[in-house]
C-alpha atoms as a PDB file:
ATOM      1  CA  MET A   1      -0.010   0.005  -0.009  1.00  0.00           C
ATOM      2  CA  LYS A   2       1.451   3.332  -1.176  1.00  0.00           C
ATOM      3  CA  THR A   3       1.344   5.829   1.688  1.00  0.00           C
ATOM      4  CA  THR A   4       3.010   9.103   2.437  1.00  0.00           C
ATOM      5  CA  ILE A   5       3.814   9.435   6.135  1.00  0.00           C
ATOM      6  CA  TYR A   6       3.888  12.963   7.358  1.00  0.00           C
ATOM      7  CA  GLN A   7       4.550  12.232  10.964  1.00  0.00           C
ATOM      8  CA  ASP A   8       5.312   9.214  13.105  1.00  0.00           C
ATOM      9  CA  HIS A   9       6.606  10.357  16.510  1.00  0.00           C
ATOM     10  CA  ASN A  10       5.395  11.749  19.803  1.00  0.00           C
ATOM     11  CA  ASN A  11       2.474   9.362  19.678  1.00  0.00           C
ATOM     12  CA  ILE A  12       1.134  10.983  16.477  1.00  0.00           C
ATOM     13  CA  LEU A  13       0.908   9.044  13.215  1.00  0.00           C
ATOM     14  CA  ALA A  14      -0.365  11.104  10.259  1.00  0.00           C
ATOM     15  CA  GLY A  15      -0.236  10.526   6.504  1.00  0.00           C
ATOM     16  CA  MET A  16      -2.052  10.155   3.246  1.00  0.00           C
ATOM     17  CA  THR A  17      -2.656   7.090   1.008  1.00  0.00           C
ATOM     18  CA  MET A  18      -1.569   7.471  -2.605  1.00  0.00           C
ATOM     19  CA  LYS A  19      -2.744   6.038  -5.898  1.00  0.00           C
ATOM     20  CA  ASP A  20      -1.163   2.578  -6.465  1.00  0.00           C
ATOM     21  CA  TYR A  21      -1.695   0.765  -9.739  1.00  0.00           C
ATOM     22  CA  SER A  22      -0.715  -2.474  -8.178  1.00  0.00           C
ATOM     23  CA  GLU A  23      -3.650  -2.440  -5.791  1.00  0.00           C
ATOM     24  CA  VAL A  24      -7.380  -3.042  -6.483  1.00  0.00           C
ATOM     25  CA  GLU A  25      -9.088   0.123  -7.695  1.00  0.00           C
ATOM     26  CA  CYS A  26      -5.609   1.684  -7.555  1.00  0.00           C
ATOM     27  CA  ASN A  27      -5.768   1.916  -3.783  1.00  0.00           C
ATOM     28  CA  ASN A  28      -9.003   3.888  -3.801  1.00  0.00           C
ATOM     29  CA  THR A  29     -10.381   4.313  -0.228  1.00  0.00           C
ATOM     30  CA  ALA A  30     -13.778   5.984  -0.928  1.00  0.00           C
ATOM     31  CA  LEU A  31     -17.032   4.098  -0.626  1.00  0.00           C
ATOM     32  CA  HIS A  32     -18.965   6.973  -2.299  1.00  0.00           C
ATOM     33  CA  ALA A  33     -16.753   6.931  -5.462  1.00  0.00           C
ATOM     34  CA  CYS A  34     -15.833   3.330  -6.324  1.00  0.00           C
ATOM     35  CA  VAL A  35     -16.621   0.375  -8.592  1.00  0.00           C
ATOM     36  CA  SER A  36     -16.444  -2.230  -5.777  1.00  0.00           C
ATOM     37  CA  PRO A  37     -17.201  -1.397  -2.112  1.00  0.00           C
ATOM     38  CA  VAL A  38     -15.638  -4.755  -1.245  1.00  0.00           C
ATOM     39  CA  ASP A  39     -12.372  -3.679  -2.774  1.00  0.00           C
ATOM     40  CA  VAL A  40     -12.491  -0.355  -1.053  1.00  0.00           C
ATOM     41  CA  ILE A  41     -13.042  -2.075   2.322  1.00  0.00           C
ATOM     42  CA  ASN A  42     -10.117  -4.344   1.642  1.00  0.00           C
ATOM     43  CA  ASN A  43      -7.885  -1.249   0.876  1.00  0.00           C
ATOM     44  CA  ARG A  44      -9.049   0.274   4.116  1.00  0.00           C
ATOM     45  CA  ARG A  45      -8.245  -2.938   5.959  1.00  0.00           C
ATOM     46  CA  GLN A  46      -4.768  -2.821   4.518  1.00  0.00           C
ATOM     47  CA  LEU A  47      -4.317   0.639   5.954  1.00  0.00           C
ATOM     48  CA  ALA A  48      -5.599  -0.452   9.310  1.00  0.00           C
ATOM     49  CA  ASP A  49      -3.093  -3.336   9.279  1.00  0.00           C
ATOM     50  CA  PHE A  50      -0.384  -0.873   8.354  1.00  0.00           C
ATOM     51  CA  LEU A  51      -1.410   1.368  11.211  1.00  0.00           C
ATOM     52  CA  GLN A  52      -1.695  -1.724  13.498  1.00  0.00           C
ATOM     53  CA  CYS A  53      -5.208  -0.981  14.485  1.00  0.00           C
ATOM     54  CA  ASP A  54      -8.714  -2.068  13.576  1.00  0.00           C
ATOM     55  CA  LEU A  55     -10.876  -0.622  10.845  1.00  0.00           C
ATOM     56  CA  GLU A  56     -13.429  -0.073  13.673  1.00  0.00           C
ATOM     57  CA  ASP A  57     -11.019   2.650  15.033  1.00  0.00           C
ATOM     58  CA  PHE A  58     -11.591   4.776  11.869  1.00  0.00           C
ATOM     59  CA  VAL A  59     -14.078   7.682  11.632  1.00  0.00           C
ATOM     60  CA  PHE A  60     -15.245   9.108   8.324  1.00  0.00           C
ATOM     61  CA  ALA A  61     -17.600  11.951   7.484  1.00  0.00           C
ATOM     62  CA  ASN A  62     -20.088  12.241   4.707  1.00  0.00           C
ATOM     63  CA  GLN A  63     -18.305  15.256   3.187  1.00  0.00           C
ATOM     64  CA  THR A  64     -20.527  17.854   1.477  1.00  0.00           C
ATOM     65  CA  HIS A  65     -18.150  20.820   0.787  1.00  0.00           C
ATOM     66  CA  SER A  66     -19.625  22.463   3.927  1.00  0.00           C
ATOM     67  CA  ALA A  67     -18.085  24.458   6.731  1.00  0.00           C
ATOM     68  CA  ASN A  68     -19.500  22.068   9.334  1.00  0.00           C
ATOM     69  CA  PHE A  69     -17.243  20.237  11.872  1.00  0.00           C
ATOM     70  CA  HIS A  70     -17.902  17.502  14.454  1.00  0.00           C
ATOM     71  CA  LYS A  71     -16.278  16.625  17.742  1.00  0.00           C
ATOM     72  CA  VAL A  72     -15.651  12.944  17.584  1.00  0.00           C
ATOM     73  CA  THR A  73     -16.168  10.835  20.800  1.00  0.00           C
ATOM     74  CA  THR A  74     -15.684   7.153  21.517  1.00  0.00           C
ATOM     75  CA  GLN A  75     -19.331   6.613  20.472  1.00  0.00           C
ATOM     76  CA  ASP A  76     -18.451   7.647  16.996  1.00  0.00           C
ATOM     77  CA  ARG A  77     -15.750   4.990  16.583  1.00  0.00           C
ATOM     78  CA  GLY A  78     -16.216   3.045  13.358  1.00  0.00           C
ATOM     79  CA  LYS A  79     -18.708   5.452  11.777  1.00  0.00           C
ATOM     80  CA  GLY A  80     -18.391   5.426   7.967  1.00  0.00           C
ATOM     81  CA  ALA A  81     -15.664   2.758   8.153  1.00  0.00           C
ATOM     82  CA  TRP A  82     -17.735  -0.109   6.761  1.00  0.00           C
ATOM     83  CA  ARG A  83     -20.686   1.666   5.174  1.00  0.00           C
ATOM     84  CA  GLN A  84     -21.180   5.129   3.772  1.00  0.00           C
ATOM     85  CA  ASP A  85     -24.592   5.614   5.308  1.00  0.00           C
ATOM     86  CA  THR A  86     -23.094   5.436   8.840  1.00  0.00           C
ATOM     87  CA  ALA A  87     -20.564   8.231   8.268  1.00  0.00           C
ATOM     88  CA  ILE A  88     -20.896  11.467  10.244  1.00  0.00           C
ATOM     89  CA  PRO A  89     -23.548  13.379   8.220  1.00  0.00           C
ATOM     90  CA  ASP A  90     -22.938  16.676   6.409  1.00  0.00           C
ATOM     91  CA  THR A  91     -19.517  17.292   7.880  1.00  0.00           C
ATOM     92  CA  ASP A  92     -16.126  18.236   6.427  1.00  0.00           C
ATOM     93  CA  ALA A  93     -13.932  18.407   9.526  1.00  0.00           C
ATOM     94  CA  LEU A  94     -13.451  16.130  12.476  1.00  0.00           C
ATOM     95  CA  TYR A  95     -11.622  16.685  15.757  1.00  0.00           C
ATOM     96  CA  THR A  96     -11.142  14.619  18.914  1.00  0.00           C
ATOM     97  CA  PHE A  97      -9.427  14.535  22.217  1.00  0.00           C
ATOM     98  CA  GLU A  98      -9.784  10.712  22.384  1.00  0.00           C
ATOM     99  CA  PRO A  99      -6.719   8.467  21.874  1.00  0.00           C
ATOM    100  CA  ASN A 100      -6.565   5.568  19.377  1.00  0.00           C
ATOM    101  CA  ILE A 101      -9.203   6.939  16.974  1.00  0.00           C
ATOM    102  CA  VAL A 102      -8.161   7.457  13.316  1.00  0.00           C
ATOM    103  CA  LEU A 103      -9.693  10.549  11.871  1.00  0.00           C
ATOM    104  CA  CYS A 104     -10.054  10.511   8.094  1.00  0.00           C
ATOM    105  CA  SER A 105     -10.388  12.991   5.267  1.00  0.00           C
ATOM    106  CA  LEU A 106     -11.148  11.805   1.727  1.00  0.00           C
ATOM    107  CA  THR A 107      -9.866  13.960  -1.172  1.00  0.00           C
ATOM    108  CA  ALA A 108      -9.059  13.935  -4.961  1.00  0.00           C
ATOM    109  CA  ASP A 109      -7.725  17.516  -5.615  1.00  0.00           C
ATOM    110  CA  CYS A 110      -9.296  19.106  -2.516  1.00  0.00           C
ATOM    111  CA  VAL A 111      -6.969  20.184   0.341  1.00  0.00           C
ATOM    112  CA  PRO A 112      -6.612  17.799   3.314  1.00  0.00           C
ATOM    113  CA  VAL A 113      -5.645  19.385   6.587  1.00  0.00           C
ATOM    114  CA  LEU A 114      -4.270  17.291   9.471  1.00  0.00           C
ATOM    115  CA  PHE A 115      -3.425  18.885  12.807  1.00  0.00           C
ATOM    116  CA  HIS A 116      -2.524  18.105  16.412  1.00  0.00           C
ATOM    117  CA  SER A 117      -1.652  19.996  19.561  1.00  0.00           C
ATOM    118  CA  GLU A 118       1.617  19.521  21.347  1.00  0.00           C
ATOM    119  CA  ASP A 119       0.124  20.413  24.730  1.00  0.00           C
ATOM    120  CA  ARG A 120      -3.361  18.737  24.490  1.00  0.00           C
ATOM    121  CA  THR A 121      -4.646  15.389  23.145  1.00  0.00           C
ATOM    122  CA  LEU A 122      -6.304  17.212  20.314  1.00  0.00           C
ATOM    123  CA  ILE A 123      -6.074  15.887  16.742  1.00  0.00           C
ATOM    124  CA  GLY A 124      -8.173  16.846  13.626  1.00  0.00           C
ATOM    125  CA  ALA A 125      -8.744  16.294   9.959  1.00  0.00           C
ATOM    126  CA  VAL A 126     -10.291  18.787   7.570  1.00  0.00           C
ATOM    127  CA  HIS A 127     -11.502  18.452   3.938  1.00  0.00           C
ATOM    128  CA  SER A 128     -11.168  21.906   2.335  1.00  0.00           C
ATOM    129  CA  GLY A 129     -12.225  21.919  -1.371  1.00  0.00           C
ATOM    130  CA  TRP A 130     -12.571  25.402  -2.845  1.00  0.00           C
ATOM    131  CA  GLN A 131     -16.069  25.726  -1.450  1.00  0.00           C
ATOM    132  CA  GLY A 132     -14.807  24.812   2.057  1.00  0.00           C
ATOM    133  CA  THR A 133     -11.955  27.258   1.690  1.00  0.00           C
ATOM    134  CA  VAL A 134     -14.127  30.156   0.681  1.00  0.00           C
ATOM    135  CA  ASN A 135     -16.470  29.252   3.490  1.00  0.00           C
ATOM    136  CA  GLU A 136     -13.374  29.259   5.806  1.00  0.00           C
ATOM    137  CA  ILE A 137     -13.871  25.860   7.345  1.00  0.00           C
ATOM    138  CA  THR A 138     -10.324  25.658   8.651  1.00  0.00           C
ATOM    139  CA  LEU A 139     -10.458  29.234  10.131  1.00  0.00           C
ATOM    140  CA  LYS A 140     -13.853  28.592  11.711  1.00  0.00           C
ATOM    141  CA  LEU A 141     -12.806  25.311  13.227  1.00  0.00           C
ATOM    142  CA  PHE A 142      -9.651  26.828  14.833  1.00  0.00           C
ATOM    143  CA  HIS A 143     -11.690  29.725  16.178  1.00  0.00           C
ATOM    144  CA  HIS A 144     -14.143  27.163  17.699  1.00  0.00           C
ATOM    145  CA  LEU A 145     -11.306  25.231  19.218  1.00  0.00           C
ATOM    146  CA  GLN A 146      -9.824  28.384  20.705  1.00  0.00           C
ATOM    147  CA  GLN A 147     -13.171  29.739  22.028  1.00  0.00           C
ATOM    148  CA  TYR A 148     -15.040  26.703  23.118  1.00  0.00           C
ATOM    149  CA  GLU A 149     -12.320  24.051  23.704  1.00  0.00           C
ATOM    150  CA  HIS A 150      -9.852  26.525  25.200  1.00  0.00           C
ATOM    151  CA  CYS A 151      -7.036  25.420  22.858  1.00  0.00           C
ATOM    152  CA  ASP A 152      -3.834  27.464  22.598  1.00  0.00           C
ATOM    153  CA  LEU A 153      -3.378  27.694  18.864  1.00  0.00           C
ATOM    154  CA  SER A 154       0.306  28.470  19.262  1.00  0.00           C
ATOM    155  CA  HIS A 155       0.755  24.819  20.148  1.00  0.00           C
ATOM    156  CA  ILE A 156      -1.033  23.496  17.059  1.00  0.00           C
ATOM    157  CA  HIS A 157       0.949  21.804  14.274  1.00  0.00           C
ATOM    158  CA  VAL A 158      -0.618  21.553  10.798  1.00  0.00           C
ATOM    159  CA  GLN A 159       0.124  19.299   7.892  1.00  0.00           C
ATOM    160  CA  ILE A 160      -1.531  20.345   4.592  1.00  0.00           C
ATOM    161  CA  GLY A 161      -1.647  17.288   2.301  1.00  0.00           C
ATOM    162  CA  ALA A 162      -1.201  16.835  -1.444  1.00  0.00           C
ATOM    163  CA  ALA A 163      -3.836  18.612  -3.502  1.00  0.00           C
ATOM    164  CA  LEU A 164      -4.457  20.320  -6.910  1.00  0.00           C
ATOM    165  CA  SER A 165      -1.668  22.697  -7.725  1.00  0.00           C
ATOM    166  CA  GLN A 166      -2.212  26.386  -8.645  1.00  0.00           C
ATOM    167  CA  GLU A 167      -1.169  25.548 -12.177  1.00  0.00           C
ATOM    168  CA  LYS A 168      -4.044  23.122 -12.553  1.00  0.00           C
ATOM    169  CA  PHE A 169      -6.615  24.850 -10.390  1.00  0.00           C
ATOM    170  CA  GLU A 170      -8.011  26.980 -13.198  1.00  0.00           C
ATOM    171  CA  VAL A 171     -11.303  28.857 -12.619  1.00  0.00           C
ATOM    172  CA  ASP A 172     -13.667  31.394 -14.050  1.00  0.00           C
ATOM    173  CA  GLU A 173     -14.449  34.825 -12.590  1.00  0.00           C
ATOM    174  CA  ASP A 174     -17.265  33.595 -10.368  1.00  0.00           C
ATOM    175  CA  VAL A 175     -14.971  31.416  -8.336  1.00  0.00           C
ATOM    176  CA  TYR A 176     -12.194  34.013  -8.449  1.00  0.00           C
ATOM    177  CA  LYS A 177     -14.555  36.552  -6.934  1.00  0.00           C
ATOM    178  CA  LYS A 178     -15.411  34.250  -4.001  1.00  0.00           C
ATOM    179  CA  PHE A 179     -11.620  33.988  -3.113  1.00  0.00           C
ATOM    180  CA  HIS A 180     -11.013  37.744  -3.788  1.00  0.00           C
ATOM    181  CA  ASN A 181     -13.841  38.597  -1.377  1.00  0.00           C
ATOM    182  CA  LEU A 182     -11.983  36.817   1.416  1.00  0.00           C
ATOM    183  CA  GLY A 183      -9.751  39.806   1.549  1.00  0.00           C
ATOM    184  CA  TYR A 184      -6.514  37.858   1.968  1.00  0.00           C
ATOM    185  CA  ALA A 185      -6.309  35.471  -1.009  1.00  0.00           C
ATOM    186  CA  ASP A 186      -5.272  37.812  -3.858  1.00  0.00           C
ATOM    187  CA  GLU A 187      -1.555  36.988  -3.439  1.00  0.00           C
ATOM    188  CA  PHE A 188      -2.338  33.368  -4.162  1.00  0.00           C
ATOM    189  CA  ILE A 189      -4.135  34.084  -7.410  1.00  0.00           C
ATOM    190  CA  PHE A 190      -2.842  34.878 -10.902  1.00  0.00           C
ATOM    191  CA  TYR A 191      -4.783  35.709 -14.134  1.00  0.00           C
ATOM    192  CA  ASN A 192      -3.911  34.102 -17.452  1.00  0.00           C
ATOM    193  CA  ALA A 193      -4.908  36.734 -20.096  1.00  0.00           C
ATOM    194  CA  GLU A 194      -4.499  34.229 -22.877  1.00  0.00           C
ATOM    195  CA  THR A 195      -7.016  31.795 -21.534  1.00  0.00           C
ATOM    196  CA  GLN A 196      -8.973  34.354 -19.488  1.00  0.00           C
ATOM    197  CA  LYS A 197      -8.824  31.997 -16.540  1.00  0.00           C
ATOM    198  CA  TYR A 198      -7.797  32.534 -12.953  1.00  0.00           C
ATOM    199  CA  HIS A 199      -5.344  30.135 -11.189  1.00  0.00           C
ATOM    200  CA  ILE A 200      -5.722  29.780  -7.388  1.00  0.00           C
ATOM    201  CA  ASP A 201      -3.369  28.254  -4.841  1.00  0.00           C
ATOM    202  CA  ASN A 202      -5.895  26.636  -2.539  1.00  0.00           C
ATOM    203  CA  GLN A 203      -3.155  25.172  -0.301  1.00  0.00           C
ATOM    204  CA  LEU A 204      -1.588  28.592   0.460  1.00  0.00           C
ATOM    205  CA  THR A 205      -5.006  30.102   1.007  1.00  0.00           C
ATOM    206  CA  VAL A 206      -5.739  27.382   3.593  1.00  0.00           C
ATOM    207  CA  LYS A 207      -2.295  28.032   5.092  1.00  0.00           C
ATOM    208  CA  LYS A 208      -3.206  31.740   5.398  1.00  0.00           C
ATOM    209  CA  GLN A 209      -6.357  30.851   7.291  1.00  0.00           C
ATOM    210  CA  CYS A 210      -4.370  28.801   9.756  1.00  0.00           C
ATOM    211  CA  THR A 211      -1.971  31.768  10.429  1.00  0.00           C
ATOM    212  CA  LEU A 212      -4.976  34.165  10.659  1.00  0.00           C
ATOM    213  CA  ALA A 213      -6.425  31.968  13.250  1.00  0.00           C
ATOM    214  CA  GLY A 214      -3.272  32.048  15.268  1.00  0.00           C
ATOM    215  CA  VAL A 215      -1.257  29.019  14.234  1.00  0.00           C
ATOM    216  CA  PRO A 216       2.437  29.923  13.935  1.00  0.00           C
ATOM    217  CA  GLU A 217       3.653  29.743  10.325  1.00  0.00           C
ATOM    218  CA  ALA A 218       6.652  27.688  11.450  1.00  0.00           C
ATOM    219  CA  ASN A 219       4.210  25.023  12.593  1.00  0.00           C
ATOM    220  CA  ILE A 220       2.683  24.522   9.159  1.00  0.00           C
ATOM    221  CA  THR A 221       4.016  22.077   6.579  1.00  0.00           C
ATOM    222  CA  ILE A 222       2.705  21.649   3.013  1.00  0.00           C
ATOM    223  CA  ASP A 223       3.072  18.613   0.682  1.00  0.00           C
ATOM    224  CA  ARG A 224       3.240  20.354  -2.709  1.00  0.00           C
ATOM    225  CA  THR A 225       2.547  17.201  -4.624  1.00  0.00           C
ATOM    226  CA  CYS A 226      -0.109  17.936  -7.325  1.00  0.00           C
ATOM    227  CA  THR A 227      -2.852  15.414  -7.414  1.00  0.00           C
ATOM    228  CA  PHE A 228      -3.427  16.148 -11.138  1.00  0.00           C
ATOM    229  CA  LEU A 229       0.219  16.021 -12.321  1.00  0.00           C
ATOM    230  CA  SER A 230       1.464  13.156 -10.095  1.00  0.00           C
ATOM    231  CA  LYS A 231       0.909   9.615 -11.204  1.00  0.00           C
ATOM    232  CA  GLU A 232       0.321   8.850  -7.555  1.00  0.00           C
ATOM    233  CA  GLY A 233      -2.579  11.301  -7.454  1.00  0.00           C
ATOM    234  CA  PHE A 234      -6.350  10.871  -7.643  1.00  0.00           C
ATOM    235  CA  SER A 235      -7.726  13.913  -9.509  1.00  0.00           C
ATOM    236  CA  TYR A 236     -11.384  14.594  -9.956  1.00  0.00           C
ATOM    237  CA  ARG A 237     -10.586  17.435 -12.309  1.00  0.00           C
ATOM    238  CA  GLN A 238      -8.686  15.059 -14.534  1.00  0.00           C
ATOM    239  CA  ASP A 239     -11.002  12.048 -14.147  1.00  0.00           C
ATOM    240  CA  ARG A 240     -14.562  12.494 -12.841  1.00  0.00           C
ATOM    241  CA  GLN A 241     -14.520   8.782 -11.998  1.00  0.00           C
ATOM    242  CA  ALA A 242     -11.391   9.169  -9.873  1.00  0.00           C
ATOM    243  CA  GLY A 243     -11.032   7.336  -6.488  1.00  0.00           C
ATOM    244  CA  ARG A 244      -9.912   9.112  -3.351  1.00  0.00           C
ATOM    245  CA  HIS A 245      -6.922   9.484  -1.117  1.00  0.00           C
ATOM    246  CA  VAL A 246      -7.504   9.229   2.584  1.00  0.00           C
ATOM    247  CA  SER A 247      -5.535  11.477   4.866  1.00  0.00           C
ATOM    248  CA  PHE A 248      -5.426  10.158   8.410  1.00  0.00           C
ATOM    249  CA  ILE A 249      -4.226  11.044  11.873  1.00  0.00           C
ATOM    250  CA  ARG A 250      -4.194   9.144  15.064  1.00  0.00           C
ATOM    251  CA  ARG A 251      -2.851   9.753  18.510  1.00  0.00           C
ATOM    252  CA  THR A 252      -1.887   6.825  20.703  1.00  0.00           C
ATOM    253  CA  VAL A 253      -1.900   6.874  24.476  1.00  0.00           C
END
């Protein structure tokens, strides 16, 4: 199983599965975008074996490009792991203070955000497509964690996973205006006069949202692998039938 490991120390294991032509469905891990649910479950089981845990420890959301987030408790363990209809409904970000739970974010071009706190047991996983970014899902979640969970964001570490590059994230004026209206994304946008298209760096916009929330820039890492250009990437923009990566994070006791 092809997997990029972003962190494996201090009781935190975080990473992202990649497209692998030697595996069934090329290592697709999404039940909502697959040919065979059985093959997807087998791919998820392989990941669970790799993480030395049970698939029942995984938690998935039914992602809808919303700005909604959910606090995962032990009662949520296993939701969405075996069946799509048991996933946390209408949610694009998960966080928990519970150990030994694997939080998951499914993406194919969208920006996955994994984070943990060095002074709390907090971990989280965010799915930020362009709709989630213009709705500021990451910024809103961090403000919630600060205000209601009393988290010190200066102790948060963020990993932004592989996603569609600025070169390949080509949009019309309607989407450009949504990013422009954020008031802080213009430096991550360029206009191609020849094609009359705008190119947006969604990863750097999400990074900006993290720093605006109060996460130190030095605590943010970005995987600049482009899911469109890399042979190890699932890209919805390139192939509407594409599978999905799963970005995952777990804290052990």
